Amino acid sequence: MKAQELRELSIQELIEREKELARELFNLRFQMATGQLSNHTVVGKTKKDIARVKTVLKERDAIKDEAGA
């Protein structure tokens, strides 16, 4: 998922997306530990997606703080 697509989502949708990706990462790690995961690159992509969501949330928080100050 691209950062621009994430910036179009609301804060609540971003939080939900982060939770969803965290669950997915947990499942992928579990599959990797049990030897069921055939494509290990998905783990890295999921981690990067989580980082993108957190970055956009942090940007929104910074904008909100600037507006309030």
C-alpha atoms as a PDB file:
ATOM      1  CA  MET A   1       0.000   0.000   0.000  1.00  0.00           C
ATOM      2  CA  LYS A   2       1.319   3.429  -0.904  1.00  0.00           C
ATOM      3  CA  ALA A   3       1.601   6.305   1.548  1.00  0.00           C
ATOM      4  CA  GLN A   4      -0.599   8.506  -0.654  1.00  0.00           C
ATOM      5  CA  GLU A   5      -3.415   5.950  -0.410  1.00  0.00           C
ATOM      6  CA  LEU A   6      -3.024   5.910   3.366  1.00  0.00           C
ATOM      7  CA  ARG A   7      -3.194   9.707   3.590  1.00  0.00           C
ATOM      8  CA  GLU A   8      -6.676   9.562   2.073  1.00  0.00           C
ATOM      9  CA  LEU A   9      -7.978   7.425   4.950  1.00  0.00           C
ATOM     10  CA  SER A  10      -9.413   8.770   8.196  1.00  0.00           C
ATOM     11  CA  ILE A  11      -7.594   8.359  11.501  1.00  0.00           C
ATOM     12  CA  GLN A  12      -9.989   5.623  12.604  1.00  0.00           C
ATOM     13  CA  GLU A  13      -9.457   3.733   9.336  1.00  0.00           C
ATOM     14  CA  LEU A  14      -5.687   4.030   9.768  1.00  0.00           C
ATOM     15  CA  ILE A  15      -5.879   2.628  13.291  1.00  0.00           C
ATOM     16  CA  GLU A  16      -7.986  -0.284  12.049  1.00  0.00           C
ATOM     17  CA  ARG A  17      -5.543  -0.876   9.187  1.00  0.00           C
ATOM     18  CA  GLU A  18      -2.650  -0.943  11.654  1.00  0.00           C
ATOM     19  CA  LYS A  19      -4.411  -3.526  13.833  1.00  0.00           C
ATOM     20  CA  GLU A  20      -5.228  -5.607  10.770  1.00  0.00           C
ATOM     21  CA  LEU A  21      -1.617  -5.551   9.582  1.00  0.00           C
ATOM     22  CA  ALA A  22      -0.334  -6.438  13.059  1.00  0.00           C
ATOM     23  CA  ARG A  23      -2.616  -9.496  13.121  1.00  0.00           C
ATOM     24  CA  GLU A  24      -1.431 -10.436   9.649  1.00  0.00           C
ATOM     25  CA  LEU A  25       2.210 -10.106  10.700  1.00  0.00           C
ATOM     26  CA  PHE A  26       1.587 -12.311  13.731  1.00  0.00           C
ATOM     27  CA  ASN A  27       0.042 -14.974  11.530  1.00  0.00           C
ATOM     28  CA  LEU A  28       2.884 -14.750   9.022  1.00  0.00           C
ATOM     29  CA  ARG A  29       5.485 -15.136  11.777  1.00  0.00           C
ATOM     30  CA  PHE A  30       3.600 -18.115  13.128  1.00  0.00           C
ATOM     31  CA  GLN A  31       3.506 -19.696   9.669  1.00  0.00           C
ATOM     32  CA  MET A  32       7.213 -19.014   9.220  1.00  0.00           C
ATOM     33  CA  ALA A  33       8.043 -20.649  12.557  1.00  0.00           C
ATOM     34  CA  THR A  34       6.055 -23.760  11.675  1.00  0.00           C
ATOM     35  CA  GLY A  35       7.528 -23.954   8.178  1.00  0.00           C
ATOM     36  CA  GLN A  36       4.243 -23.286   6.366  1.00  0.00           C
ATOM     37  CA  LEU A  37       5.277 -19.964   4.813  1.00  0.00           C
ATOM     38  CA  SER A  38       6.635 -20.344   1.289  1.00  0.00           C
ATOM     39  CA  ASN A  39       7.090 -16.643   0.432  1.00  0.00           C
ATOM     40  CA  HIS A  40       9.151 -14.915   3.131  1.00  0.00           C
ATOM     41  CA  THR A  41       9.117 -11.531   1.404  1.00  0.00           C
ATOM     42  CA  VAL A  42       5.536 -11.002   2.571  1.00  0.00           C
ATOM     43  CA  VAL A  43       6.809 -10.529   6.128  1.00  0.00           C
ATOM     44  CA  GLY A  44       9.021  -7.612   5.108  1.00  0.00           C
ATOM     45  CA  LYS A  45       6.268  -6.029   3.031  1.00  0.00           C
ATOM     46  CA  THR A  46       3.847  -6.257   5.943  1.00  0.00           C
ATOM     47  CA  LYS A  47       6.380  -4.647   8.300  1.00  0.00           C
ATOM     48  CA  LYS A  48       6.885  -1.793   5.839  1.00  0.00           C
ATOM     49  CA  ASP A  49       3.117  -1.306   5.506  1.00  0.00           C
ATOM     50  CA  ILE A  50       2.827  -1.065   9.302  1.00  0.00           C
ATOM     51  CA  ALA A  51       5.624   1.515   9.327  1.00  0.00           C
ATOM     52  CA  ARG A  52       3.853   3.538   6.611  1.00  0.00           C
ATOM     53  CA  VAL A  53       0.591   3.543   8.575  1.00  0.00           C
ATOM     54  CA  LYS A  54       2.402   4.640  11.734  1.00  0.00           C
ATOM     55  CA  THR A  55       4.189   7.389   9.805  1.00  0.00           C
ATOM     56  CA  VAL A  56       0.932   8.781   8.434  1.00  0.00           C
ATOM     57  CA  LEU A  57      -0.643   8.648  11.900  1.00  0.00           C
ATOM     58  CA  LYS A  58       2.366  10.507  13.312  1.00  0.00           C
ATOM     59  CA  GLU A  59       2.080  13.140  10.557  1.00  0.00           C
ATOM     60  CA  ARG A  60      -1.581  13.650  11.390  1.00  0.00           C
ATOM     61  CA  ASP A  61      -0.737  13.973  15.072  1.00  0.00           C
ATOM     62  CA  ALA A  62       1.947  16.557  14.311  1.00  0.00           C
ATOM     63  CA  ILE A  63      -0.466  18.559  12.152  1.00  0.00           C
ATOM     64  CA  LYS A  64      -3.075  18.441  14.905  1.00  0.00           C
ATOM     65  CA  ASP A  65      -0.500  19.648  17.448  1.00  0.00           C
ATOM     66  CA  GLU A  66       0.573  22.526  15.200  1.00  0.00           C
ATOM     67  CA  ALA A  67      -3.020  23.626  14.698  1.00  0.00           C
ATOM     68  CA  GLY A  68      -3.694  23.511  18.431  1.00  0.00           C
ATOM     69  CA  ALA A  69      -0.566  25.441  19.406  1.00  0.00           C
END
